């Protein structure tokens, strides 16, 4: 068998290869280099007997004194059990690195180790990993270990999953079903789009950034994502019409007041129940009034939460999210999107290297 290594694979061939592999990942797509425009890059690949068998988007960070570092986010893409191929790829990449004064190469392939229920502690979670570690170590790679702190890795090592199946709604926990009903009761709706939703989505991310005190991306970055993934990029917004909710609350308040007035004093149990409902409605009306002070008392939908997602190959990455904390009781994250997007539910995890 003959091998050839290239550092300038064309986009069509590169993406076609990545999209159809087990380890397909958005961060190894051709256009990800355009998103990370503050890094240099190479589109590396290996041909075996004239057939493309490996690719790797290499991001290059320039450092002082003409040095640099190489980073392959969630890559390279290849059969990691093919020890000869892995060895050849990294041997060739290291030759380029030496010429480029690269001080180290970092890579974190998304190798699925195993699944276990989030309520369980799986003591065998690292079984069957030695075959990969032995191969990488033979290339002189240093494994950083199965770290537990998110600060120890660039990409996350745990991922929460819900695997879709028929009639999934019927098997959801009671607590989850109740939260979905809370969202429905407040008439939370889901809309989706691209550039036309950027302003509202960016506003929600800014609110999250301020609340959490963490650095997040801005509108310009989100715009770049959507421009580079025009077919797969999408913004989902959860919206609600507070004006209609307020009108409904006032009607309910009037009915409760009338019913209380018509209830005899001896029906203490019923009176307590009605008075509790009235207090709840009054609290809602007060909160609606505070919202009107910022958004105006208009008959319009207000964006209360959102996510930006990019579909690539057979994967879909939910990259960024934001929420207006004032609407947390509306439970927008539990409004079912059915076929539009996977619901965020923490019922299972799997490990990555």
C-alpha atoms as a PDB file:
ATOM      1  CA  UNK A   1       0.000   0.000   0.000  1.00  0.00           C
ATOM      2  CA  UNK A   2       1.207   3.484  -0.822  1.00  0.00           C
ATOM      3  CA  UNK A   3       0.426   6.582   1.272  1.00  0.00           C
ATOM      4  CA  UNK A   4       0.432  10.245   0.253  1.00  0.00           C
ATOM      5  CA  UNK A   5       0.018  13.180   2.635  1.00  0.00           C
ATOM      6  CA  UNK A   6      -1.385  16.548   1.509  1.00  0.00           C
ATOM      7  CA  UNK A   7      -2.015  19.819   3.340  1.00  0.00           C
ATOM      8  CA  UNK A   8      -4.415  21.461   0.881  1.00  0.00           C
ATOM      9  CA  UNK A   9      -7.384  19.106   0.318  1.00  0.00           C
ATOM     10  CA  UNK A  10     -10.151  20.879  -1.637  1.00  0.00           C
ATOM     11  CA  UNK A  11     -13.414  21.720   0.113  1.00  0.00           C
ATOM     12  CA  UNK A  12     -15.746  19.380  -1.737  1.00  0.00           C
ATOM     13  CA  UNK A  13     -13.611  16.305  -1.126  1.00  0.00           C
ATOM     14  CA  UNK A  14     -12.743  17.328   2.423  1.00  0.00           C
ATOM     15  CA  UNK A  15     -16.354  17.878   3.556  1.00  0.00           C
ATOM     16  CA  UNK A  16     -17.647  14.828   1.716  1.00  0.00           C
ATOM     17  CA  UNK A  17     -15.160  12.676   3.599  1.00  0.00           C
ATOM     18  CA  UNK A  18     -15.837  14.195   7.050  1.00  0.00           C
ATOM     19  CA  UNK A  19     -19.638  14.122   6.701  1.00  0.00           C
ATOM     20  CA  UNK A  20     -19.682  10.407   5.942  1.00  0.00           C
ATOM     21  CA  UNK A  21     -17.430   9.204   8.748  1.00  0.00           C
ATOM     22  CA  UNK A  22     -18.222   7.845  12.197  1.00  0.00           C
ATOM     23  CA  UNK A  23     -16.352  10.686  13.856  1.00  0.00           C
ATOM     24  CA  UNK A  24     -18.000  13.452  11.821  1.00  0.00           C
ATOM     25  CA  UNK A  25     -17.820  16.732  13.705  1.00  0.00           C
ATOM     26  CA  UNK A  26     -18.647  20.348  12.896  1.00  0.00           C
ATOM     27  CA  UNK A  27     -15.300  21.464  14.306  1.00  0.00           C
ATOM     28  CA  UNK A  28     -13.554  19.433  11.608  1.00  0.00           C
ATOM     29  CA  UNK A  29     -15.613  20.892   8.760  1.00  0.00           C
ATOM     30  CA  UNK A  30     -13.898  22.905   6.044  1.00  0.00           C
ATOM     31  CA  UNK A  31     -15.603  26.186   6.931  1.00  0.00           C
ATOM     32  CA  UNK A  32     -14.730  25.996  10.623  1.00  0.00           C
ATOM     33  CA  UNK A  33     -11.378  27.524   9.692  1.00  0.00           C
ATOM     34  CA  UNK A  34     -13.281  30.543   8.341  1.00  0.00           C
ATOM     35  CA  UNK A  35     -15.135  30.881  11.634  1.00  0.00           C
ATOM     36  CA  UNK A  36     -11.796  30.758  13.480  1.00  0.00           C
ATOM     37  CA  UNK A  37     -10.361  33.454  11.242  1.00  0.00           C
ATOM     38  CA  UNK A  38      -7.875  34.618  13.897  1.00  0.00           C
ATOM     39  CA  UNK A  39      -5.993  31.324  13.411  1.00  0.00           C
ATOM     40  CA  UNK A  40      -4.085  30.143  10.358  1.00  0.00           C
ATOM     41  CA  UNK A  41      -5.015  26.706   9.070  1.00  0.00           C
ATOM     42  CA  UNK A  42      -4.241  23.675   6.893  1.00  0.00           C
ATOM     43  CA  UNK A  43      -6.625  21.153   5.332  1.00  0.00           C
ATOM     44  CA  UNK A  44      -4.541  18.005   5.724  1.00  0.00           C
ATOM     45  CA  UNK A  45      -5.348  14.553   4.391  1.00  0.00           C
ATOM     46  CA  UNK A  46      -3.948  11.137   3.620  1.00  0.00           C
ATOM     47  CA  UNK A  47      -4.542   9.110   0.449  1.00  0.00           C
ATOM     48  CA  UNK A  48      -3.976   5.373   0.494  1.00  0.00           C
ATOM     49  CA  UNK A  49      -3.750   3.894  -2.992  1.00  0.00           C
ATOM     50  CA  UNK A  50      -5.289   7.123  -4.325  1.00  0.00           C
ATOM     51  CA  UNK A  51      -8.300   6.936  -1.946  1.00  0.00           C
ATOM     52  CA  UNK A  52      -8.787   9.575   0.763  1.00  0.00           C
ATOM     53  CA  UNK A  53      -8.681   7.775   4.130  1.00  0.00           C
ATOM     54  CA  UNK A  54      -7.977  10.568   6.634  1.00  0.00           C
ATOM     55  CA  UNK A  55      -8.495  14.304   7.002  1.00  0.00           C
ATOM     56  CA  UNK A  56      -7.554  16.855   9.600  1.00  0.00           C
ATOM     57  CA  UNK A  57      -8.395  20.535   9.897  1.00  0.00           C
ATOM     58  CA  UNK A  58      -5.311  21.949  11.599  1.00  0.00           C
ATOM     59  CA  UNK A  59      -5.723  25.352  13.254  1.00  0.00           C
ATOM     60  CA  UNK A  60      -2.444  27.206  13.705  1.00  0.00           C
ATOM     61  CA  UNK A  61      -1.929  29.759  16.491  1.00  0.00           C
ATOM     62  CA  UNK A  62       1.044  32.025  15.897  1.00  0.00           C
ATOM     63  CA  UNK A  63       3.152  32.664  18.993  1.00  0.00           C
ATOM     64  CA  UNK A  64       5.990  35.091  19.820  1.00  0.00           C
ATOM     65  CA  UNK A  65       9.484  34.532  18.393  1.00  0.00           C
ATOM     66  CA  UNK A  66       8.132  32.861  15.219  1.00  0.00           C
ATOM     67  CA  UNK A  67       6.828  29.833  17.124  1.00  0.00           C
ATOM     68  CA  UNK A  68       3.345  28.361  16.782  1.00  0.00           C
ATOM     69  CA  UNK A  69       1.033  25.603  18.023  1.00  0.00           C
ATOM     70  CA  UNK A  70      -1.201  23.219  16.059  1.00  0.00           C
ATOM     71  CA  UNK A  71      -4.686  22.291  17.213  1.00  0.00           C
ATOM     72  CA  UNK A  72      -7.059  19.767  15.612  1.00  0.00           C
ATOM     73  CA  UNK A  73     -10.445  20.335  17.318  1.00  0.00           C
ATOM     74  CA  UNK A  74     -12.265  16.991  17.486  1.00  0.00           C
ATOM     75  CA  UNK A  75      -9.873  15.613  14.920  1.00  0.00           C
ATOM     76  CA  UNK A  76      -8.259  14.233  12.889  1.00  0.00           C
ATOM     77  CA  UNK A  77     -10.980  12.199  11.170  1.00  0.00           C
ATOM     78  CA  UNK A  78      -9.916   8.639  10.429  1.00  0.00           C
ATOM     79  CA  UNK A  79     -10.192   5.035  11.597  1.00  0.00           C
ATOM     80  CA  UNK A  80      -8.368   5.306  14.932  1.00  0.00           C
ATOM     81  CA  UNK A  81      -8.050   1.525  15.120  1.00  0.00           C
ATOM     82  CA  UNK A  82      -5.922   1.583  11.980  1.00  0.00           C
ATOM     83  CA  UNK A  83      -2.598   1.959  13.771  1.00  0.00           C
ATOM     84  CA  UNK A  84      -0.546   2.183  10.580  1.00  0.00           C
ATOM     85  CA  UNK A  85      -2.710   5.020   9.223  1.00  0.00           C
ATOM     86  CA  UNK A  86      -2.668   6.951  12.502  1.00  0.00           C
ATOM     87  CA  UNK A  87       1.111   6.581  12.727  1.00  0.00           C
ATOM     88  CA  UNK A  88       1.644   7.753   9.153  1.00  0.00           C
ATOM     89  CA  UNK A  89      -0.632  10.781   9.542  1.00  0.00           C
ATOM     90  CA  UNK A  90       1.072  12.075  12.675  1.00  0.00           C
ATOM     91  CA  UNK A  91       4.565  11.336  11.364  1.00  0.00           C
ATOM     92  CA  UNK A  92       3.842  13.548   8.361  1.00  0.00           C
ATOM     93  CA  UNK A  93       2.146  16.229  10.454  1.00  0.00           C
ATOM     94  CA  UNK A  94       5.127  16.374  12.805  1.00  0.00           C
ATOM     95  CA  UNK A  95       7.453  16.913   9.832  1.00  0.00           C
ATOM     96  CA  UNK A  96       5.396  19.965   8.858  1.00  0.00           C
ATOM     97  CA  UNK A  97       5.359  21.118  12.467  1.00  0.00           C
ATOM     98  CA  UNK A  98       9.136  21.021  12.703  1.00  0.00           C
ATOM     99  CA  UNK A  99       9.494  23.229   9.617  1.00  0.00           C
ATOM    100  CA  UNK A 100       6.872  25.602  11.037  1.00  0.00           C
ATOM    101  CA  UNK A 101       8.597  25.917  14.451  1.00  0.00           C
ATOM    102  CA  UNK A 102       5.550  24.362  16.088  1.00  0.00           C
ATOM    103  CA  UNK A 103       6.183  23.710  19.783  1.00  0.00           C
ATOM    104  CA  UNK A 104       3.297  21.223  20.277  1.00  0.00           C
ATOM    105  CA  UNK A 105       0.316  19.606  18.549  1.00  0.00           C
ATOM    106  CA  UNK A 106      -2.965  19.235  20.431  1.00  0.00           C
ATOM    107  CA  UNK A 107      -5.878  17.054  19.349  1.00  0.00           C
ATOM    108  CA  UNK A 108      -9.057  15.780  21.048  1.00  0.00           C
ATOM    109  CA  UNK A 109     -10.963  13.313  18.836  1.00  0.00           C
ATOM    110  CA  UNK A 110     -14.604  12.723  19.792  1.00  0.00           C
ATOM    111  CA  UNK A 111     -14.263   9.049  20.571  1.00  0.00           C
ATOM    112  CA  UNK A 112     -17.444   7.753  22.170  1.00  0.00           C
ATOM    113  CA  UNK A 113     -16.411   5.692  25.177  1.00  0.00           C
ATOM    114  CA  UNK A 114     -19.779   4.556  26.564  1.00  0.00           C
ATOM    115  CA  UNK A 115     -23.192   5.549  27.895  1.00  0.00           C
ATOM    116  CA  UNK A 116     -24.636   5.342  31.367  1.00  0.00           C
ATOM    117  CA  UNK A 117     -27.674   6.733  33.164  1.00  0.00           C
ATOM    118  CA  UNK A 118     -27.065  10.050  34.893  1.00  0.00           C
ATOM    119  CA  UNK A 119     -28.389   8.602  38.158  1.00  0.00           C
ATOM    120  CA  UNK A 120     -25.839   5.802  38.070  1.00  0.00           C
ATOM    121  CA  UNK A 121     -22.099   5.663  38.634  1.00  0.00           C
ATOM    122  CA  UNK A 122     -20.491   3.542  35.973  1.00  0.00           C
ATOM    123  CA  UNK A 123     -17.251   2.092  37.322  1.00  0.00           C
ATOM    124  CA  UNK A 124     -16.416   0.545  33.922  1.00  0.00           C
ATOM    125  CA  UNK A 125     -16.737   3.745  31.942  1.00  0.00           C
ATOM    126  CA  UNK A 126     -13.181   3.529  30.565  1.00  0.00           C
ATOM    127  CA  UNK A 127     -13.144  -0.071  29.401  1.00  0.00           C
ATOM    128  CA  UNK A 128     -12.059  -0.755  25.810  1.00  0.00           C
ATOM    129  CA  UNK A 129     -10.131   2.529  25.585  1.00  0.00           C
ATOM    130  CA  UNK A 130      -6.640   1.052  25.729  1.00  0.00           C
ATOM    131  CA  UNK A 131      -6.655   0.213  22.003  1.00  0.00           C
ATOM    132  CA  UNK A 132      -6.933   3.924  21.210  1.00  0.00           C
ATOM    133  CA  UNK A 133      -4.511   5.083  23.901  1.00  0.00           C
ATOM    134  CA  UNK A 134      -1.872   2.571  22.824  1.00  0.00           C
ATOM    135  CA  UNK A 135      -2.120   3.787  19.228  1.00  0.00           C
ATOM    136  CA  UNK A 136      -1.822   7.463  20.180  1.00  0.00           C
ATOM    137  CA  UNK A 137       1.015   6.794  22.612  1.00  0.00           C
ATOM    138  CA  UNK A 138       2.911   5.016  19.856  1.00  0.00           C
ATOM    139  CA  UNK A 139       2.821   8.374  18.032  1.00  0.00           C
ATOM    140  CA  UNK A 140       4.461   9.937  21.135  1.00  0.00           C
ATOM    141  CA  UNK A 141       1.186  11.565  22.195  1.00  0.00           C
ATOM    142  CA  UNK A 142       0.599  12.301  25.895  1.00  0.00           C
ATOM    143  CA  UNK A 143      -2.873  11.557  27.239  1.00  0.00           C
ATOM    144  CA  UNK A 144      -4.025  14.200  29.742  1.00  0.00           C
ATOM    145  CA  UNK A 145      -6.085  11.667  31.643  1.00  0.00           C
ATOM    146  CA  UNK A 146      -9.788  11.416  32.433  1.00  0.00           C
ATOM    147  CA  UNK A 147     -10.025  14.856  33.984  1.00  0.00           C
ATOM    148  CA  UNK A 148     -13.160  15.937  35.852  1.00  0.00           C
ATOM    149  CA  UNK A 149     -12.870  19.724  35.659  1.00  0.00           C
ATOM    150  CA  UNK A 150     -14.250  21.486  32.575  1.00  0.00           C
ATOM    151  CA  UNK A 151     -11.293  23.896  32.775  1.00  0.00           C
ATOM    152  CA  UNK A 152      -8.886  21.028  32.056  1.00  0.00           C
ATOM    153  CA  UNK A 153     -10.092  20.491  28.481  1.00  0.00           C
ATOM    154  CA  UNK A 154     -10.834  22.655  25.459  1.00  0.00           C
ATOM    155  CA  UNK A 155     -13.853  20.585  24.395  1.00  0.00           C
ATOM    156  CA  UNK A 156     -16.358  18.986  26.812  1.00  0.00           C
ATOM    157  CA  UNK A 157     -15.844  15.360  27.825  1.00  0.00           C
ATOM    158  CA  UNK A 158     -19.364  14.744  29.089  1.00  0.00           C
ATOM    159  CA  UNK A 159     -22.448  15.135  26.938  1.00  0.00           C
ATOM    160  CA  UNK A 160     -26.079  14.843  28.011  1.00  0.00           C
ATOM    161  CA  UNK A 161     -28.249  12.844  25.637  1.00  0.00           C
ATOM    162  CA  UNK A 162     -31.823  11.822  25.064  1.00  0.00           C
ATOM    163  CA  UNK A 163     -32.227   9.196  22.393  1.00  0.00           C
ATOM    164  CA  UNK A 164     -35.415   9.737  20.427  1.00  0.00           C
ATOM    165  CA  UNK A 165     -37.881   6.922  19.971  1.00  0.00           C
ATOM    166  CA  UNK A 166     -41.553   6.475  19.185  1.00  0.00           C
ATOM    167  CA  UNK A 167     -43.985   7.907  21.781  1.00  0.00           C
ATOM    168  CA  UNK A 168     -41.108   9.471  23.754  1.00  0.00           C
ATOM    169  CA  UNK A 169     -43.493  12.058  25.253  1.00  0.00           C
ATOM    170  CA  UNK A 170     -45.454   9.316  26.999  1.00  0.00           C
ATOM    171  CA  UNK A 171     -42.355   8.057  28.838  1.00  0.00           C
ATOM    172  CA  UNK A 172     -41.068  11.411  30.101  1.00  0.00           C
ATOM    173  CA  UNK A 173     -40.793  11.895  33.889  1.00  0.00           C
ATOM    174  CA  UNK A 174     -43.810  13.481  35.600  1.00  0.00           C
ATOM    175  CA  UNK A 175     -41.722  16.520  36.536  1.00  0.00           C
ATOM    176  CA  UNK A 176     -40.748  17.087  32.909  1.00  0.00           C
ATOM    177  CA  UNK A 177     -44.350  16.710  31.728  1.00  0.00           C
ATOM    178  CA  UNK A 178     -45.441  19.302  34.277  1.00  0.00           C
ATOM    179  CA  UNK A 179     -42.818  21.785  33.101  1.00  0.00           C
ATOM    180  CA  UNK A 180     -43.897  21.267  29.486  1.00  0.00           C
ATOM    181  CA  UNK A 181     -47.470  22.031  30.546  1.00  0.00           C
ATOM    182  CA  UNK A 182     -46.228  25.205  32.280  1.00  0.00           C
ATOM    183  CA  UNK A 183     -44.680  26.351  28.993  1.00  0.00           C
ATOM    184  CA  UNK A 184     -47.834  25.468  27.062  1.00  0.00           C
ATOM    185  CA  UNK A 185     -50.050  27.241  29.594  1.00  0.00           C
ATOM    186  CA  UNK A 186     -48.122  30.442  29.019  1.00  0.00           C
ATOM    187  CA  UNK A 187     -48.443  29.892  25.271  1.00  0.00           C
ATOM    188  CA  UNK A 188     -44.694  29.704  24.652  1.00  0.00           C
ATOM    189  CA  UNK A 189     -44.112  29.324  20.906  1.00  0.00           C
ATOM    190  CA  UNK A 190     -41.021  28.340  18.904  1.00  0.00           C
ATOM    191  CA  UNK A 191     -39.913  30.181  15.795  1.00  0.00           C
ATOM    192  CA  UNK A 192     -36.795  29.604  13.733  1.00  0.00           C
ATOM    193  CA  UNK A 193     -34.780  31.524  11.170  1.00  0.00           C
ATOM    194  CA  UNK A 194     -31.343  32.926  10.472  1.00  0.00           C
ATOM    195  CA  UNK A 195     -30.082  36.504  10.051  1.00  0.00           C
ATOM    196  CA  UNK A 196     -33.479  38.083  10.723  1.00  0.00           C
ATOM    197  CA  UNK A 197     -33.361  36.713  14.306  1.00  0.00           C
ATOM    198  CA  UNK A 198     -29.780  37.746  15.059  1.00  0.00           C
ATOM    199  CA  UNK A 199     -30.627  40.911  17.002  1.00  0.00           C
ATOM    200  CA  UNK A 200     -33.027  39.193  19.392  1.00  0.00           C
ATOM    201  CA  UNK A 201     -30.769  36.174  19.852  1.00  0.00           C
ATOM    202  CA  UNK A 202     -27.743  38.386  20.552  1.00  0.00           C
ATOM    203  CA  UNK A 203     -29.770  40.330  23.135  1.00  0.00           C
ATOM    204  CA  UNK A 204     -30.611  37.098  24.966  1.00  0.00           C
ATOM    205  CA  UNK A 205     -26.973  35.961  24.941  1.00  0.00           C
ATOM    206  CA  UNK A 206     -25.895  39.341  26.348  1.00  0.00           C
ATOM    207  CA  UNK A 207     -28.378  38.902  29.206  1.00  0.00           C
ATOM    208  CA  UNK A 208     -26.942  35.471  29.938  1.00  0.00           C
ATOM    209  CA  UNK A 209     -23.399  36.825  29.742  1.00  0.00           C
ATOM    210  CA  UNK A 210     -24.210  39.530  32.315  1.00  0.00           C
ATOM    211  CA  UNK A 211     -26.086  37.144  34.605  1.00  0.00           C
ATOM    212  CA  UNK A 212     -23.469  34.381  34.607  1.00  0.00           C
ATOM    213  CA  UNK A 213     -20.438  36.646  34.456  1.00  0.00           C
ATOM    214  CA  UNK A 214     -18.832  34.532  31.736  1.00  0.00           C
ATOM    215  CA  UNK A 215     -17.413  35.623  28.366  1.00  0.00           C
ATOM    216  CA  UNK A 216     -19.661  34.656  25.449  1.00  0.00           C
ATOM    217  CA  UNK A 217     -19.618  35.435  21.736  1.00  0.00           C
ATOM    218  CA  UNK A 218     -21.211  38.498  20.161  1.00  0.00           C
ATOM    219  CA  UNK A 219     -23.505  39.224  17.232  1.00  0.00           C
ATOM    220  CA  UNK A 220     -20.615  39.426  14.751  1.00  0.00           C
ATOM    221  CA  UNK A 221     -19.481  35.901  15.616  1.00  0.00           C
ATOM    222  CA  UNK A 222     -23.012  34.497  15.311  1.00  0.00           C
ATOM    223  CA  UNK A 223     -23.371  36.227  11.948  1.00  0.00           C
ATOM    224  CA  UNK A 224     -20.129  34.585  10.772  1.00  0.00           C
ATOM    225  CA  UNK A 225     -21.440  31.162  11.801  1.00  0.00           C
ATOM    226  CA  UNK A 226     -24.686  31.590   9.875  1.00  0.00           C
ATOM    227  CA  UNK A 227     -22.881  32.923   6.792  1.00  0.00           C
ATOM    228  CA  UNK A 228     -20.478  29.979   6.700  1.00  0.00           C
ATOM    229  CA  UNK A 229     -23.215  27.390   7.269  1.00  0.00           C
ATOM    230  CA  UNK A 230     -26.146  28.801   5.270  1.00  0.00           C
ATOM    231  CA  UNK A 231     -27.832  25.407   4.946  1.00  0.00           C
ATOM    232  CA  UNK A 232     -27.228  24.020   8.436  1.00  0.00           C
ATOM    233  CA  UNK A 233     -27.174  27.141  10.605  1.00  0.00           C
ATOM    234  CA  UNK A 234     -30.405  28.080  12.374  1.00  0.00           C
ATOM    235  CA  UNK A 235     -31.589  30.172  15.312  1.00  0.00           C
ATOM    236  CA  UNK A 236     -34.496  28.922  17.418  1.00  0.00           C
ATOM    237  CA  UNK A 237     -36.333  31.442  19.601  1.00  0.00           C
ATOM    238  CA  UNK A 238     -38.920  30.749  22.276  1.00  0.00           C
ATOM    239  CA  UNK A 239     -41.443  33.597  22.256  1.00  0.00           C
ATOM    240  CA  UNK A 240     -44.536  34.588  24.197  1.00  0.00           C
ATOM    241  CA  UNK A 241     -47.186  37.314  23.994  1.00  0.00           C
ATOM    242  CA  UNK A 242     -47.261  38.967  27.417  1.00  0.00           C
ATOM    243  CA  UNK A 243     -50.043  41.336  26.335  1.00  0.00           C
ATOM    244  CA  UNK A 244     -52.427  38.418  25.746  1.00  0.00           C
ATOM    245  CA  UNK A 245     -51.321  36.727  28.949  1.00  0.00           C
ATOM    246  CA  UNK A 246     -52.035  39.926  30.855  1.00  0.00           C
ATOM    247  CA  UNK A 247     -55.487  40.263  29.274  1.00  0.00           C
ATOM    248  CA  UNK A 248     -56.274  36.643  30.151  1.00  0.00           C
ATOM    249  CA  UNK A 249     -55.033  37.211  33.712  1.00  0.00           C
ATOM    250  CA  UNK A 250     -57.289  40.262  34.146  1.00  0.00           C
ATOM    251  CA  UNK A 251     -60.300  38.290  32.902  1.00  0.00           C
ATOM    252  CA  UNK A 252     -59.437  35.457  35.309  1.00  0.00           C
ATOM    253  CA  UNK A 253     -59.018  37.960  38.139  1.00  0.00           C
ATOM    254  CA  UNK A 254     -62.489  39.368  37.491  1.00  0.00           C
ATOM    255  CA  UNK A 255     -64.044  35.877  37.509  1.00  0.00           C
ATOM    256  CA  UNK A 256     -62.263  34.941  40.743  1.00  0.00           C
ATOM    257  CA  UNK A 257     -63.342  38.149  42.467  1.00  0.00           C
ATOM    258  CA  UNK A 258     -66.930  37.542  41.388  1.00  0.00           C
ATOM    259  CA  UNK A 259     -66.842  33.929  42.563  1.00  0.00           C
ATOM    260  CA  UNK A 260     -65.346  34.935  45.907  1.00  0.00           C
ATOM    261  CA  UNK A 261     -68.092  37.517  46.390  1.00  0.00           C
ATOM    262  CA  UNK A 262     -70.735  34.890  45.675  1.00  0.00           C
ATOM    263  CA  UNK A 263     -69.230  32.251  47.982  1.00  0.00           C
ATOM    264  CA  UNK A 264     -70.699  32.075  51.478  1.00  0.00           C
ATOM    265  CA  UNK A 265     -68.382  32.608  54.433  1.00  0.00           C
ATOM    266  CA  UNK A 266     -68.981  29.099  55.746  1.00  0.00           C
ATOM    267  CA  UNK A 267     -67.292  27.560  52.658  1.00  0.00           C
ATOM    268  CA  UNK A 268     -63.855  28.261  54.090  1.00  0.00           C
ATOM    269  CA  UNK A 269     -62.047  25.590  52.089  1.00  0.00           C
ATOM    270  CA  UNK A 270     -63.354  26.927  48.800  1.00  0.00           C
ATOM    271  CA  UNK A 271     -62.643  30.525  49.824  1.00  0.00           C
ATOM    272  CA  UNK A 272     -59.017  29.715  50.696  1.00  0.00           C
ATOM    273  CA  UNK A 273     -58.579  27.996  47.336  1.00  0.00           C
ATOM    274  CA  UNK A 274     -60.063  30.941  45.421  1.00  0.00           C
ATOM    275  CA  UNK A 275     -58.047  33.480  47.415  1.00  0.00           C
ATOM    276  CA  UNK A 276     -54.824  31.555  46.717  1.00  0.00           C
ATOM    277  CA  UNK A 277     -55.656  31.590  43.005  1.00  0.00           C
ATOM    278  CA  UNK A 278     -56.391  35.323  43.162  1.00  0.00           C
ATOM    279  CA  UNK A 279     -53.056  36.040  44.859  1.00  0.00           C
ATOM    280  CA  UNK A 280     -51.289  34.025  42.155  1.00  0.00           C
ATOM    281  CA  UNK A 281     -53.056  35.963  39.383  1.00  0.00           C
ATOM    282  CA  UNK A 282     -52.269  39.306  41.073  1.00  0.00           C
ATOM    283  CA  UNK A 283     -48.605  38.288  41.242  1.00  0.00           C
ATOM    284  CA  UNK A 284     -48.625  37.462  37.520  1.00  0.00           C
ATOM    285  CA  UNK A 285     -50.235  40.816  36.656  1.00  0.00           C
ATOM    286  CA  UNK A 286     -47.589  42.630  38.719  1.00  0.00           C
ATOM    287  CA  UNK A 287     -44.800  40.793  36.878  1.00  0.00           C
ATOM    288  CA  UNK A 288     -46.425  41.540  33.511  1.00  0.00           C
ATOM    289  CA  UNK A 289     -46.532  45.239  34.436  1.00  0.00           C
ATOM    290  CA  UNK A 290     -42.774  45.222  35.110  1.00  0.00           C
ATOM    291  CA  UNK A 291     -42.181  43.597  31.713  1.00  0.00           C
ATOM    292  CA  UNK A 292     -44.347  46.236  29.991  1.00  0.00           C
ATOM    293  CA  UNK A 293     -42.144  48.967  31.488  1.00  0.00           C
ATOM    294  CA  UNK A 294     -39.285  47.754  29.260  1.00  0.00           C
ATOM    295  CA  UNK A 295     -40.983  46.236  26.224  1.00  0.00           C
ATOM    296  CA  UNK A 296     -44.108  48.402  26.065  1.00  0.00           C
ATOM    297  CA  UNK A 297     -47.683  47.239  26.435  1.00  0.00           C
ATOM    298  CA  UNK A 298     -48.133  46.128  22.859  1.00  0.00           C
ATOM    299  CA  UNK A 299     -49.831  43.111  21.352  1.00  0.00           C
ATOM    300  CA  UNK A 300     -46.602  41.475  20.151  1.00  0.00           C
ATOM    301  CA  UNK A 301     -44.418  38.427  20.743  1.00  0.00           C
ATOM    302  CA  UNK A 302     -41.320  38.785  22.920  1.00  0.00           C
ATOM    303  CA  UNK A 303     -38.254  36.553  22.541  1.00  0.00           C
ATOM    304  CA  UNK A 304     -37.496  34.997  25.931  1.00  0.00           C
ATOM    305  CA  UNK A 305     -34.920  32.290  25.103  1.00  0.00           C
ATOM    306  CA  UNK A 306     -32.964  31.045  22.128  1.00  0.00           C
ATOM    307  CA  UNK A 307     -30.306  28.726  20.789  1.00  0.00           C
ATOM    308  CA  UNK A 308     -28.051  28.801  17.743  1.00  0.00           C
ATOM    309  CA  UNK A 309     -27.560  25.392  16.186  1.00  0.00           C
ATOM    310  CA  UNK A 310     -25.547  24.158  13.204  1.00  0.00           C
ATOM    311  CA  UNK A 311     -26.317  20.897  11.406  1.00  0.00           C
ATOM    312  CA  UNK A 312     -23.379  19.247   9.667  1.00  0.00           C
ATOM    313  CA  UNK A 313     -23.379  15.722   8.240  1.00  0.00           C
ATOM    314  CA  UNK A 314     -25.376  13.514  10.598  1.00  0.00           C
ATOM    315  CA  UNK A 315     -24.666  15.770  13.595  1.00  0.00           C
ATOM    316  CA  UNK A 316     -26.324  18.867  15.017  1.00  0.00           C
ATOM    317  CA  UNK A 317     -24.382  21.099  17.399  1.00  0.00           C
ATOM    318  CA  UNK A 318     -26.242  23.446  19.751  1.00  0.00           C
ATOM    319  CA  UNK A 319     -23.455  25.976  20.056  1.00  0.00           C
ATOM    320  CA  UNK A 320     -24.850  28.969  21.961  1.00  0.00           C
ATOM    321  CA  UNK A 321     -27.913  29.713  24.066  1.00  0.00           C
ATOM    322  CA  UNK A 322     -29.382  32.637  25.947  1.00  0.00           C
ATOM    323  CA  UNK A 323     -32.395  33.330  28.151  1.00  0.00           C
ATOM    324  CA  UNK A 324     -34.104  36.302  29.755  1.00  0.00           C
ATOM    325  CA  UNK A 325     -34.109  35.346  33.441  1.00  0.00           C
ATOM    326  CA  UNK A 326     -37.320  37.303  34.037  1.00  0.00           C
ATOM    327  CA  UNK A 327     -39.144  34.626  32.057  1.00  0.00           C
ATOM    328  CA  UNK A 328     -37.643  31.571  33.757  1.00  0.00           C
ATOM    329  CA  UNK A 329     -41.063  30.552  35.132  1.00  0.00           C
ATOM    330  CA  UNK A 330     -42.273  30.271  31.541  1.00  0.00           C
ATOM    331  CA  UNK A 331     -40.017  27.206  31.140  1.00  0.00           C
ATOM    332  CA  UNK A 332     -39.084  28.009  27.514  1.00  0.00           C
ATOM    333  CA  UNK A 333     -36.443  25.275  27.411  1.00  0.00           C
ATOM    334  CA  UNK A 334     -39.187  22.690  27.934  1.00  0.00           C
ATOM    335  CA  UNK A 335     -41.412  23.781  25.086  1.00  0.00           C
ATOM    336  CA  UNK A 336     -41.282  20.741  22.742  1.00  0.00           C
ATOM    337  CA  UNK A 337     -39.661  21.397  19.380  1.00  0.00           C
ATOM    338  CA  UNK A 338     -40.537  17.864  18.165  1.00  0.00           C
ATOM    339  CA  UNK A 339     -38.800  17.563  14.770  1.00  0.00           C
ATOM    340  CA  UNK A 340     -37.177  20.992  14.898  1.00  0.00           C
ATOM    341  CA  UNK A 341     -34.507  20.411  17.516  1.00  0.00           C
ATOM    342  CA  UNK A 342     -33.607  17.941  20.272  1.00  0.00           C
ATOM    343  CA  UNK A 343     -34.975  18.930  23.671  1.00  0.00           C
ATOM    344  CA  UNK A 344     -32.457  19.706  26.409  1.00  0.00           C
ATOM    345  CA  UNK A 345     -33.006  16.938  28.968  1.00  0.00           C
ATOM    346  CA  UNK A 346     -30.330  15.567  31.258  1.00  0.00           C
ATOM    347  CA  UNK A 347     -31.136  11.848  31.361  1.00  0.00           C
ATOM    348  CA  UNK A 348     -27.858  10.319  30.178  1.00  0.00           C
ATOM    349  CA  UNK A 349     -24.206  10.978  29.524  1.00  0.00           C
ATOM    350  CA  UNK A 350     -21.303   9.635  27.558  1.00  0.00           C
ATOM    351  CA  UNK A 351     -17.583  10.174  27.935  1.00  0.00           C
ATOM    352  CA  UNK A 352     -15.171  11.610  25.399  1.00  0.00           C
ATOM    353  CA  UNK A 353     -11.367  11.702  25.477  1.00  0.00           C
END
